[in-house]
All heavy atoms as atom14 arrays in JSON, in Angstrom:
{
  "sequence": "TNDETLYKKLLLYRAHGITRDESLMEHEPDGSWYYEQIALGYNYRIT",
  "atom14_mask": [
    [1, 1, 1, 1, 1, 1, 1, 0, 0, 0, 0, 0, 0, 0],
    [1, 1, 1, 1, 1, 1, 1, 1, 0, 0, 0, 0, 0, 0],
    [1, 1, 1, 1, 1, 1, 1, 1, 0, 0, 0, 0, 0, 0],
    [1, 1, 1, 1, 1, 1, 1, 1, 1, 0, 0, 0, 0, 0],
    [1, 1, 1, 1, 1, 1, 1, 0, 0, 0, 0, 0, 0, 0],
    [1, 1, 1, 1, 1, 1, 1, 1, 0, 0, 0, 0, 0, 0],
    [1, 1, 1, 1, 1, 1, 1, 1, 1, 1, 1, 1, 0, 0],
    [1, 1, 1, 1, 1, 1, 1, 1, 1, 0, 0, 0, 0, 0],
    [1, 1, 1, 1, 1, 1, 1, 1, 1, 0, 0, 0, 0, 0],
    [1, 1, 1, 1, 1, 1, 1, 1, 0, 0, 0, 0, 0, 0],
    [1, 1, 1, 1, 1, 1, 1, 1, 0, 0, 0, 0, 0, 0],
    [1, 1, 1, 1, 1, 1, 1, 1, 0, 0, 0, 0, 0, 0],
    [1, 1, 1, 1, 1, 1, 1, 1, 1, 1, 1, 1, 0, 0],
    [1, 1, 1, 1, 1, 1, 1, 1, 1, 1, 1, 0, 0, 0],
    [1, 1, 1, 1, 1, 0, 0, 0, 0, 0, 0, 0, 0, 0],
    [1, 1, 1, 1, 1, 1, 1, 1, 1, 1, 0, 0, 0, 0],
    [1, 1, 1, 1, 0, 0, 0, 0, 0, 0, 0, 0, 0, 0],
    [1, 1, 1, 1, 1, 1, 1, 1, 0, 0, 0, 0, 0, 0],
    [1, 1, 1, 1, 1, 1, 1, 0, 0, 0, 0, 0, 0, 0],
    [1, 1, 1, 1, 1, 1, 1, 1, 1, 1, 1, 0, 0, 0],
    [1, 1, 1, 1, 1, 1, 1, 1, 0, 0, 0, 0, 0, 0],
    [1, 1, 1, 1, 1, 1, 1, 1, 1, 0, 0, 0, 0, 0],
    [1, 1, 1, 1, 1, 1, 0, 0, 0, 0, 0, 0, 0, 0],
    [1, 1, 1, 1, 1, 1, 1, 1, 0, 0, 0, 0, 0, 0],
    [1, 1, 1, 1, 1, 1, 1, 1, 0, 0, 0, 0, 0, 0],
    [1, 1, 1, 1, 1, 1, 1, 1, 1, 0, 0, 0, 0, 0],
    [1, 1, 1, 1, 1, 1, 1, 1, 1, 1, 0, 0, 0, 0],
    [1, 1, 1, 1, 1, 1, 1, 1, 1, 0, 0, 0, 0, 0],
    [1, 1, 1, 1, 1, 1, 1, 0, 0, 0, 0, 0, 0, 0],
    [1, 1, 1, 1, 1, 1, 1, 1, 0, 0, 0, 0, 0, 0],
    [1, 1, 1, 1, 0, 0, 0, 0, 0, 0, 0, 0, 0, 0],
    [1, 1, 1, 1, 1, 1, 0, 0, 0, 0, 0, 0, 0, 0],
    [1, 1, 1, 1, 1, 1, 1, 1, 1, 1, 1, 1, 1, 1],
    [1, 1, 1, 1, 1, 1, 1, 1, 1, 1, 1, 1, 0, 0],
    [1, 1, 1, 1, 1, 1, 1, 1, 1, 1, 1, 1, 0, 0],
    [1, 1, 1, 1, 1, 1, 1, 1, 1, 0, 0, 0, 0, 0],
    [1, 1, 1, 1, 1, 1, 1, 1, 1, 0, 0, 0, 0, 0],
    [1, 1, 1, 1, 1, 1, 1, 1, 0, 0, 0, 0, 0, 0],
    [1, 1, 1, 1, 1, 0, 0, 0, 0, 0, 0, 0, 0, 0],
    [1, 1, 1, 1, 1, 1, 1, 1, 0, 0, 0, 0, 0, 0],
    [1, 1, 1, 1, 0, 0, 0, 0, 0, 0, 0, 0, 0, 0],
    [1, 1, 1, 1, 1, 1, 1, 1, 1, 1, 1, 1, 0, 0],
    [1, 1, 1, 1, 1, 1, 1, 1, 0, 0, 0, 0, 0, 0],
    [1, 1, 1, 1, 1, 1, 1, 1, 1, 1, 1, 1, 0, 0],
    [1, 1, 1, 1, 1, 1, 1, 1, 1, 1, 1, 0, 0, 0],
    [1, 1, 1, 1, 1, 1, 1, 1, 0, 0, 0, 0, 0, 0],
    [1, 1, 1, 1, 1, 1, 1, 0, 0, 0, 0, 0, 0, 0]
  ],
  "atom14_positions": [
    [[0.82, -1.16, 0.02], [-0.02, 0.02, -0.01], [0.85, 1.21, 0.0], [2.07, 1.14, 0.4], [-0.92, 0.0, 1.2], [-1.81, 1.14, 1.13], [-0.2, 0.09, 2.53], [0.0, 0.0, 0.0], [0.0, 0.0, 0.0], [0.0, 0.0, 0.0], [0.0, 0.0, 0.0], [0.0, 0.0, 0.0], [0.0, 0.0, 0.0], [0.0, 0.0, 0.0]],
    [[0.3, 2.32, -0.4], [0.93, 3.68, -0.36], [0.41, 4.47, 0.85], [0.8, 5.6, 1.05], [0.81, 4.44, -1.6], [1.51, 3.79, -2.74], [2.59, 3.23, -2.64], [0.91, 3.76, -3.94], [0.0, 0.0, 0.0], [0.0, 0.0, 0.0], [0.0, 0.0, 0.0], [0.0, 0.0, 0.0], [0.0, 0.0, 0.0], [0.0, 0.0, 0.0]],
    [[-0.53, 3.94, 1.56], [-1.3, 4.63, 2.62], [-0.73, 4.24, 3.98], [-0.8, 3.1, 4.4], [-2.72, 4.29, 2.54], [-3.6, 5.13, 3.5], [-3.31, 5.17, 4.68], [-4.61, 5.69, 3.0], [0.0, 0.0, 0.0], [0.0, 0.0, 0.0], [0.0, 0.0, 0.0], [0.0, 0.0, 0.0], [0.0, 0.0, 0.0], [0.0, 0.0, 0.0]],
    [[-0.19, 5.21, 4.73], [0.47, 4.9, 6.0], [-0.58, 4.49, 7.03], [-0.24, 3.58, 7.9], [1.2, 6.14, 6.56], [1.94, 5.88, 7.84], [2.71, 7.08, 8.32], [2.54, 8.22, 7.82], [3.54, 6.92, 9.25], [0.0, 0.0, 0.0], [0.0, 0.0, 0.0], [0.0, 0.0, 0.0], [0.0, 0.0, 0.0], [0.0, 0.0, 0.0]],
    [[-1.76, 4.97, 7.03], [-2.84, 4.57, 7.96], [-3.14, 3.08, 7.77], [-3.27, 2.35, 8.67], [-4.06, 5.48, 7.78], [-3.69, 6.81, 8.05], [-5.12, 5.0, 8.79], [0.0, 0.0, 0.0], [0.0, 0.0, 0.0], [0.0, 0.0, 0.0], [0.0, 0.0, 0.0], [0.0, 0.0, 0.0], [0.0, 0.0, 0.0], [0.0, 0.0, 0.0]],
    [[-3.35, 2.69, 6.47], [-3.61, 1.28, 6.19], [-2.43, 0.45, 6.59], [-2.62, -0.71, 7.14], [-3.88, 1.08, 4.72], [-5.18, 1.7, 4.15], [-5.26, 1.59, 2.58], [-6.4, 1.09, 4.81], [0.0, 0.0, 0.0], [0.0, 0.0, 0.0], [0.0, 0.0, 0.0], [0.0, 0.0, 0.0], [0.0, 0.0, 0.0], [0.0, 0.0, 0.0]],
    [[-1.19, 0.92, 6.36], [-0.02, 0.11, 6.71], [0.02, -0.16, 8.21], [0.26, -1.36, 8.59], [1.21, 0.94, 6.3], [2.52, 0.47, 6.81], [2.99, -0.79, 6.44], [3.28, 1.21, 7.69], [4.22, -1.28, 6.91], [4.56, 0.8, 8.12], [4.96, -0.47, 7.71], [6.15, -0.94, 8.24], [0.0, 0.0, 0.0], [0.0, 0.0, 0.0]],
    [[-0.24, 0.76, 9.04], [-0.23, 0.65, 10.48], [-1.31, -0.39, 10.92], [-1.04, -1.22, 11.78], [-0.37, 1.92, 11.23], [0.86, 2.82, 11.05], [0.72, 4.13, 11.83], [2.01, 4.98, 11.78], [1.86, 6.29, 12.52], [0.0, 0.0, 0.0], [0.0, 0.0, 0.0], [0.0, 0.0, 0.0], [0.0, 0.0, 0.0], [0.0, 0.0, 0.0]],
    [[-2.42, -0.36, 10.29], [-3.46, -1.36, 10.56], [-3.08, -2.75, 10.22], [-3.27, -3.71, 10.95], [-4.81, -0.96, 9.88], [-5.44, 0.27, 10.42], [-6.71, 0.51, 9.6], [-7.5, 1.79, 10.15], [-8.65, 2.11, 9.36], [0.0, 0.0, 0.0], [0.0, 0.0, 0.0], [0.0, 0.0, 0.0], [0.0, 0.0, 0.0], [0.0, 0.0, 0.0]],
    [[-2.42, -2.88, 9.06], [-1.99, -4.2, 8.56], [-0.95, -4.77, 9.54], [-0.96, -6.01, 9.77], [-1.38, -4.05, 7.15], [-2.4, -3.66, 6.06], [-1.67, -3.21, 4.76], [-3.28, -4.87, 5.71], [0.0, 0.0, 0.0], [0.0, 0.0, 0.0], [0.0, 0.0, 0.0], [0.0, 0.0, 0.0], [0.0, 0.0, 0.0], [0.0, 0.0, 0.0]],
    [[-0.05, -3.93, 10.03], [0.94, -4.45, 10.99], [0.24, -5.01, 12.22], [0.68, -6.06, 12.76], [1.86, -3.31, 11.42], [2.87, -2.84, 10.34], [3.63, -1.64, 10.85], [3.84, -3.94, 9.96], [0.0, 0.0, 0.0], [0.0, 0.0, 0.0], [0.0, 0.0, 0.0], [0.0, 0.0, 0.0], [0.0, 0.0, 0.0], [0.0, 0.0, 0.0]],
    [[-0.8, -4.34, 12.73], [-1.5, -4.83, 13.82], [-2.24, -6.16, 13.57], [-2.14, -7.13, 14.36], [-2.51, -3.79, 14.34], [-2.03, -2.57, 15.03], [-3.18, -1.56, 15.28], [-1.45, -2.98, 16.42], [0.0, 0.0, 0.0], [0.0, 0.0, 0.0], [0.0, 0.0, 0.0], [0.0, 0.0, 0.0], [0.0, 0.0, 0.0], [0.0, 0.0, 0.0]],
    [[-2.88, -6.23, 12.42], [-3.73, -7.41, 12.17], [-2.89, -8.64, 11.86], [-3.34, -9.75, 12.06], [-4.66, -7.09, 10.97], [-5.69, -6.05, 11.26], [-6.01, -5.07, 10.29], [-6.23, -5.85, 12.47], [-6.91, -4.08, 10.57], [-7.16, -4.88, 12.81], [-7.49, -3.91, 11.79], [-8.43, -2.98, 12.12], [0.0, 0.0, 0.0], [0.0, 0.0, 0.0]],
    [[-1.59, -8.42, 11.47], [-0.68, -9.53, 11.23], [-0.27, -10.21, 12.57], [0.02, -11.43, 12.54], [0.59, -9.04, 10.49], [1.59, -10.12, 10.28], [2.81, -9.68, 9.5], [3.55, -8.61, 10.2], [4.67, -8.07, 9.68], [5.06, -8.39, 8.43], [5.35, -7.14, 10.34], [0.0, 0.0, 0.0], [0.0, 0.0, 0.0], [0.0, 0.0, 0.0]],
    [[-0.2, -9.48, 13.62], [0.34, -9.95, 14.88], [-0.53, -9.7, 16.08], [-0.13, -8.9, 16.98], [1.72, -9.31, 15.04], [0.0, 0.0, 0.0], [0.0, 0.0, 0.0], [0.0, 0.0, 0.0], [0.0, 0.0, 0.0], [0.0, 0.0, 0.0], [0.0, 0.0, 0.0], [0.0, 0.0, 0.0], [0.0, 0.0, 0.0], [0.0, 0.0, 0.0]],
    [[-1.75, -10.28, 16.06], [-2.61, -10.33, 17.22], [-3.18, -8.99, 17.64], [-3.87, -8.91, 18.63], [-1.87, -10.94, 18.48], [-1.26, -12.22, 18.19], [-1.92, -13.39, 18.24], [0.11, -12.55, 17.95], [-1.07, -14.42, 17.99], [0.15, -13.92, 17.78], [0.0, 0.0, 0.0], [0.0, 0.0, 0.0], [0.0, 0.0, 0.0], [0.0, 0.0, 0.0]],
    [[-2.95, -7.91, 16.85], [-3.37, -6.61, 17.3], [-2.51, -6.06, 18.31], [-2.84, -5.07, 19.0], [0.0, 0.0, 0.0], [0.0, 0.0, 0.0], [0.0, 0.0, 0.0], [0.0, 0.0, 0.0], [0.0, 0.0, 0.0], [0.0, 0.0, 0.0], [0.0, 0.0, 0.0], [0.0, 0.0, 0.0], [0.0, 0.0, 0.0], [0.0, 0.0, 0.0]],
    [[-1.27, -6.58, 18.48], [-0.36, -6.2, 19.56], [0.61, -5.15, 18.97], [1.12, -5.3, 17.86], [0.39, -7.42, 20.12], [-0.62, -8.22, 20.99], [1.62, -7.02, 20.89], [-0.09, -9.52, 21.5], [0.0, 0.0, 0.0], [0.0, 0.0, 0.0], [0.0, 0.0, 0.0], [0.0, 0.0, 0.0], [0.0, 0.0, 0.0], [0.0, 0.0, 0.0]],
    [[0.94, -4.19, 19.79], [1.96, -3.13, 19.37], [2.92, -2.84, 20.48], [2.61, -2.9, 21.65], [1.24, -1.83, 18.94], [2.19, -0.91, 18.42], [0.48, -1.22, 20.03], [0.0, 0.0, 0.0], [0.0, 0.0, 0.0], [0.0, 0.0, 0.0], [0.0, 0.0, 0.0], [0.0, 0.0, 0.0], [0.0, 0.0, 0.0], [0.0, 0.0, 0.0]],
    [[4.16, -2.43, 20.07], [5.12, -1.86, 21.0], [5.35, -0.38, 20.68], [6.28, 0.24, 21.25], [6.41, -2.65, 20.88], [6.36, -4.08, 21.4], [7.69, -4.73, 21.29], [7.63, -6.11, 21.74], [7.76, -6.57, 22.99], [8.05, -5.67, 23.92], [7.69, -7.84, 23.3], [0.0, 0.0, 0.0], [0.0, 0.0, 0.0], [0.0, 0.0, 0.0]],
    [[4.57, 0.18, 19.75], [4.63, 1.59, 19.37], [3.97, 2.38, 20.4], [2.75, 2.43, 20.56], [3.99, 1.74, 18.02], [4.12, 3.16, 17.47], [4.46, 4.07, 18.23], [3.86, 3.37, 16.27], [0.0, 0.0, 0.0], [0.0, 0.0, 0.0], [0.0, 0.0, 0.0], [0.0, 0.0, 0.0], [0.0, 0.0, 0.0], [0.0, 0.0, 0.0]],
    [[4.75, 3.16, 21.18], [4.18, 3.99, 22.32], [3.15, 4.97, 21.85], [2.21, 5.33, 22.57], [5.28, 4.66, 23.11], [6.19, 3.73, 23.83], [7.22, 4.47, 24.72], [6.96, 5.6, 25.1], [8.21, 3.82, 25.02], [0.0, 0.0, 0.0], [0.0, 0.0, 0.0], [0.0, 0.0, 0.0], [0.0, 0.0, 0.0], [0.0, 0.0, 0.0]],
    [[3.27, 5.45, 20.59], [2.32, 6.44, 20.09], [0.89, 5.85, 19.92], [-0.03, 6.6, 19.81], [2.83, 7.03, 18.77], [2.81, 6.05, 17.73], [0.0, 0.0, 0.0], [0.0, 0.0, 0.0], [0.0, 0.0, 0.0], [0.0, 0.0, 0.0], [0.0, 0.0, 0.0], [0.0, 0.0, 0.0], [0.0, 0.0, 0.0], [0.0, 0.0, 0.0]],
    [[0.86, 4.53, 19.9], [-0.48, 3.85, 19.73], [-1.02, 3.36, 20.98], [-2.2, 2.89, 21.08], [-0.29, 2.67, 18.67], [0.13, 3.09, 17.29], [0.3, 1.77, 16.48], [-0.83, 3.99, 16.62], [0.0, 0.0, 0.0], [0.0, 0.0, 0.0], [0.0, 0.0, 0.0], [0.0, 0.0, 0.0], [0.0, 0.0, 0.0], [0.0, 0.0, 0.0]],
    [[-0.23, 3.39, 22.11], [-0.66, 2.8, 23.36], [-1.66, 3.71, 24.16], [-1.7, 4.89, 23.92], [0.56, 2.48, 24.23], [1.47, 1.45, 23.68], [2.9, 1.15, 24.79], [3.81, -0.09, 23.83], [0.0, 0.0, 0.0], [0.0, 0.0, 0.0], [0.0, 0.0, 0.0], [0.0, 0.0, 0.0], [0.0, 0.0, 0.0], [0.0, 0.0, 0.0]],
    [[-2.48, 3.02, 24.89], [-3.48, 3.7, 25.7], [-3.07, 3.92, 27.17], [-3.6, 4.69, 27.95], [-4.81, 2.99, 25.64], [-5.4, 2.86, 24.22], [-6.77, 2.26, 24.19], [-7.37, 2.11, 25.27], [-7.21, 1.88, 23.1], [0.0, 0.0, 0.0], [0.0, 0.0, 0.0], [0.0, 0.0, 0.0], [0.0, 0.0, 0.0], [0.0, 0.0, 0.0]],
    [[-2.05, 3.17, 27.61], [-1.49, 3.22, 28.92], [-0.08, 3.61, 28.93], [0.65, 3.4, 27.95], [-1.77, 1.99, 29.72], [-3.21, 1.56, 29.75], [-4.21, 2.32, 30.24], [-3.85, 0.42, 29.25], [-5.35, 1.7, 30.08], [-5.17, 0.51, 29.53], [0.0, 0.0, 0.0], [0.0, 0.0, 0.0], [0.0, 0.0, 0.0], [0.0, 0.0, 0.0]],
    [[0.47, 4.12, 30.07], [1.84, 4.37, 30.24], [2.65, 3.08, 30.32], [2.28, 2.17, 31.08], [2.07, 5.19, 31.54], [3.47, 5.74, 31.71], [3.81, 6.87, 30.75], [2.86, 7.51, 30.28], [5.06, 7.04, 30.5], [0.0, 0.0, 0.0], [0.0, 0.0, 0.0], [0.0, 0.0, 0.0], [0.0, 0.0, 0.0], [0.0, 0.0, 0.0]],
    [[3.66, 2.92, 29.51], [4.48, 1.65, 29.58], [5.07, 1.43, 30.95], [5.53, 2.33, 31.58], [5.55, 1.9, 28.51], [5.01, 2.9, 27.6], [4.14, 3.82, 28.48], [0.0, 0.0, 0.0], [0.0, 0.0, 0.0], [0.0, 0.0, 0.0], [0.0, 0.0, 0.0], [0.0, 0.0, 0.0], [0.0, 0.0, 0.0], [0.0, 0.0, 0.0]],
    [[5.07, 0.18, 31.36], [5.73, -0.18, 32.67], [7.23, -0.27, 32.48], [7.98, -0.13, 33.47], [5.27, -1.56, 33.05], [3.76, -1.59, 33.42], [3.25, -0.48, 33.77], [3.1, -2.67, 33.44], [0.0, 0.0, 0.0], [0.0, 0.0, 0.0], [0.0, 0.0, 0.0], [0.0, 0.0, 0.0], [0.0, 0.0, 0.0], [0.0, 0.0, 0.0]],
    [[7.73, -0.57, 31.27], [9.15, -0.65, 31.06], [9.42, -1.01, 29.6], [8.48, -1.03, 28.79], [0.0, 0.0, 0.0], [0.0, 0.0, 0.0], [0.0, 0.0, 0.0], [0.0, 0.0, 0.0], [0.0, 0.0, 0.0], [0.0, 0.0, 0.0], [0.0, 0.0, 0.0], [0.0, 0.0, 0.0], [0.0, 0.0, 0.0], [0.0, 0.0, 0.0]],
    [[10.66, -1.3, 29.27], [10.98, -1.57, 27.9], [10.37, -2.87, 27.31], [10.32, -3.06, 26.11], [12.51, -1.7, 27.77], [12.97, -2.69, 28.58], [0.0, 0.0, 0.0], [0.0, 0.0, 0.0], [0.0, 0.0, 0.0], [0.0, 0.0, 0.0], [0.0, 0.0, 0.0], [0.0, 0.0, 0.0], [0.0, 0.0, 0.0], [0.0, 0.0, 0.0]],
    [[9.91, -3.72, 28.22], [9.24, -4.95, 27.81], [7.77, -4.79, 27.41], [7.21, -5.73, 26.84], [9.33, -5.99, 28.94], [8.53, -5.56, 30.14], [7.21, -5.72, 30.32], [9.0, -4.79, 31.25], [6.79, -5.12, 31.55], [7.94, -4.56, 32.1], [10.3, -4.28, 31.63], [8.05, -3.87, 33.26], [10.39, -3.63, 32.84], [9.29, -3.41, 33.6]],
    [[7.24, -3.63, 27.72], [5.77, -3.45, 27.68], [5.24, -3.47, 26.26], [5.85, -2.97, 25.3], [5.46, -2.13, 28.34], [4.04, -1.86, 28.5], [3.24, -2.45, 29.53], [3.33, -1.05, 27.64], [1.9, -2.15, 29.69], [1.98, -0.71, 27.8], [1.3, -1.34, 28.82], [-0.04, -1.08, 28.99], [0.0, 0.0, 0.0], [0.0, 0.0, 0.0]],
    [[4.09, -4.02, 26.06], [3.35, -3.99, 24.81], [1.87, -4.04, 25.19], [1.42, -4.38, 26.26], [3.72, -5.11, 23.9], [3.51, -6.48, 24.48], [2.24, -7.15, 24.41], [4.52, -7.19, 25.12], [1.99, -8.42, 24.94], [4.29, -8.47, 25.65], [3.01, -9.06, 25.55], [2.8, -10.29, 26.09], [0.0, 0.0, 0.0], [0.0, 0.0, 0.0]],
    [[1.04, -3.66, 24.18], [-0.43, -3.63, 24.33], [-1.11, -4.33, 23.18], [-0.66, -4.17, 22.02], [-0.96, -2.22, 24.48], [-0.57, -1.51, 25.83], [-1.24, -0.16, 25.93], [-1.83, 0.31, 24.92], [-1.15, 0.42, 27.02], [0.0, 0.0, 0.0], [0.0, 0.0, 0.0], [0.0, 0.0, 0.0], [0.0, 0.0, 0.0], [0.0, 0.0, 0.0]],
    [[-2.24, -4.98, 23.43], [-3.18, -5.42, 22.43], [-4.2, -4.3, 22.27], [-4.92, -4.04, 23.21], [-3.78, -6.74, 22.72], [-4.69, -7.21, 21.56], [-5.47, -8.46, 21.81], [-5.14, -9.2, 22.79], [-6.52, -8.73, 21.05], [0.0, 0.0, 0.0], [0.0, 0.0, 0.0], [0.0, 0.0, 0.0], [0.0, 0.0, 0.0], [0.0, 0.0, 0.0]],
    [[-4.24, -3.72, 21.13], [-5.15, -2.56, 20.91], [-6.21, -2.87, 19.87], [-7.08, -2.1, 19.58], [-4.4, -1.3, 20.54], [-3.64, -1.43, 19.32], [-3.49, -0.81, 21.73], [-3.02, -0.13, 18.76], [0.0, 0.0, 0.0], [0.0, 0.0, 0.0], [0.0, 0.0, 0.0], [0.0, 0.0, 0.0], [0.0, 0.0, 0.0], [0.0, 0.0, 0.0]],
    [[-6.14, -4.08, 19.23], [-7.1, -4.51, 18.25], [-7.15, -6.0, 18.27], [-6.32, -6.68, 18.91], [-6.73, -3.98, 16.87], [0.0, 0.0, 0.0], [0.0, 0.0, 0.0], [0.0, 0.0, 0.0], [0.0, 0.0, 0.0], [0.0, 0.0, 0.0], [0.0, 0.0, 0.0], [0.0, 0.0, 0.0], [0.0, 0.0, 0.0], [0.0, 0.0, 0.0]],
    [[-8.13, -6.59, 17.63], [-8.19, -8.08, 17.53], [-7.52, -8.43, 16.18], [-8.11, -8.22, 15.12], [-9.61, -8.55, 17.59], [-9.77, -10.04, 17.54], [-9.13, -10.74, 18.66], [-11.28, -10.45, 17.47], [0.0, 0.0, 0.0], [0.0, 0.0, 0.0], [0.0, 0.0, 0.0], [0.0, 0.0, 0.0], [0.0, 0.0, 0.0], [0.0, 0.0, 0.0]],
    [[-6.39, -8.99, 16.27], [-5.62, -9.46, 15.09], [-5.45, -10.95, 15.16], [-6.12, -11.61, 15.87], [0.0, 0.0, 0.0], [0.0, 0.0, 0.0], [0.0, 0.0, 0.0], [0.0, 0.0, 0.0], [0.0, 0.0, 0.0], [0.0, 0.0, 0.0], [0.0, 0.0, 0.0], [0.0, 0.0, 0.0], [0.0, 0.0, 0.0], [0.0, 0.0, 0.0]],
    [[-4.54, -11.4, 14.25], [-4.32, -12.82, 14.11], [-2.83, -13.13, 14.09], [-1.99, -12.25, 13.96], [-4.97, -13.29, 12.8], [-6.42, -13.11, 12.79], [-7.03, -11.93, 12.57], [-7.29, -14.18, 13.09], [-8.39, -11.73, 12.62], [-8.65, -14.06, 13.09], [-9.21, -12.77, 12.83], [-10.59, -12.64, 12.9], [0.0, 0.0, 0.0], [0.0, 0.0, 0.0]],
    [[-2.46, -14.36, 14.2], [-1.13, -14.75, 14.01], [-0.86, -15.12, 12.57], [-0.96, -16.28, 12.16], [-0.68, -16.0, 14.91], [0.76, -16.38, 14.72], [1.52, -15.7, 13.93], [1.24, -17.34, 15.43], [0.0, 0.0, 0.0], [0.0, 0.0, 0.0], [0.0, 0.0, 0.0], [0.0, 0.0, 0.0], [0.0, 0.0, 0.0], [0.0, 0.0, 0.0]],
    [[-0.63, -14.03, 11.74], [-0.49, -14.16, 10.31], [1.01, -13.92, 9.86], [1.27, -13.55, 8.79], [-1.37, -13.21, 9.59], [-2.86, -13.72, 9.48], [-3.85, -12.77, 9.11], [-3.17, -15.02, 9.65], [-5.17, -13.23, 8.97], [-4.51, -15.44, 9.54], [-5.5, -14.56, 9.17], [-6.81, -14.92, 9.07], [0.0, 0.0, 0.0], [0.0, 0.0, 0.0]],
    [[1.9, -14.17, 10.84], [3.26, -13.88, 10.58], [3.92, -14.95, 9.64], [3.41, -16.0, 9.58], [4.09, -13.88, 11.85], [3.68, -12.72, 12.78], [4.38, -12.74, 14.13], [4.1, -14.02, 14.87], [4.18, -14.16, 16.18], [4.4, -13.08, 16.93], [3.92, -15.35, 16.71], [0.0, 0.0, 0.0], [0.0, 0.0, 0.0], [0.0, 0.0, 0.0]],
    [[4.98, -14.54, 9.01], [5.76, -15.44, 8.09], [7.12, -15.66, 8.75], [7.59, -14.76, 9.55], [5.92, -14.83, 6.73], [6.45, -15.76, 5.76], [6.67, -13.5, 6.77], [6.49, -15.24, 4.27], [0.0, 0.0, 0.0], [0.0, 0.0, 0.0], [0.0, 0.0, 0.0], [0.0, 0.0, 0.0], [0.0, 0.0, 0.0], [0.0, 0.0, 0.0]],
    [[7.72, -16.78, 8.55], [9.06, -17.07, 9.11], [10.16, -16.41, 8.28], [10.01, -16.13, 7.09], [9.35, -18.62, 9.23], [9.48, -19.08, 7.85], [8.17, -19.3, 9.85], [0.0, 0.0, 0.0], [0.0, 0.0, 0.0], [0.0, 0.0, 0.0], [0.0, 0.0, 0.0], [0.0, 0.0, 0.0], [0.0, 0.0, 0.0], [0.0, 0.0, 0.0]]
  ]
}
């Protein structure tokens, strides 16, 4: 895609709706290990 908004959604849907991008998080991170599920995605990753 050429659309950044679509791109960010695709990244979420590929990996369980989980992100480590602080700009997308709803809570303050507990530490460098922190991540959030912000959508319902799937395990569509490739090896």
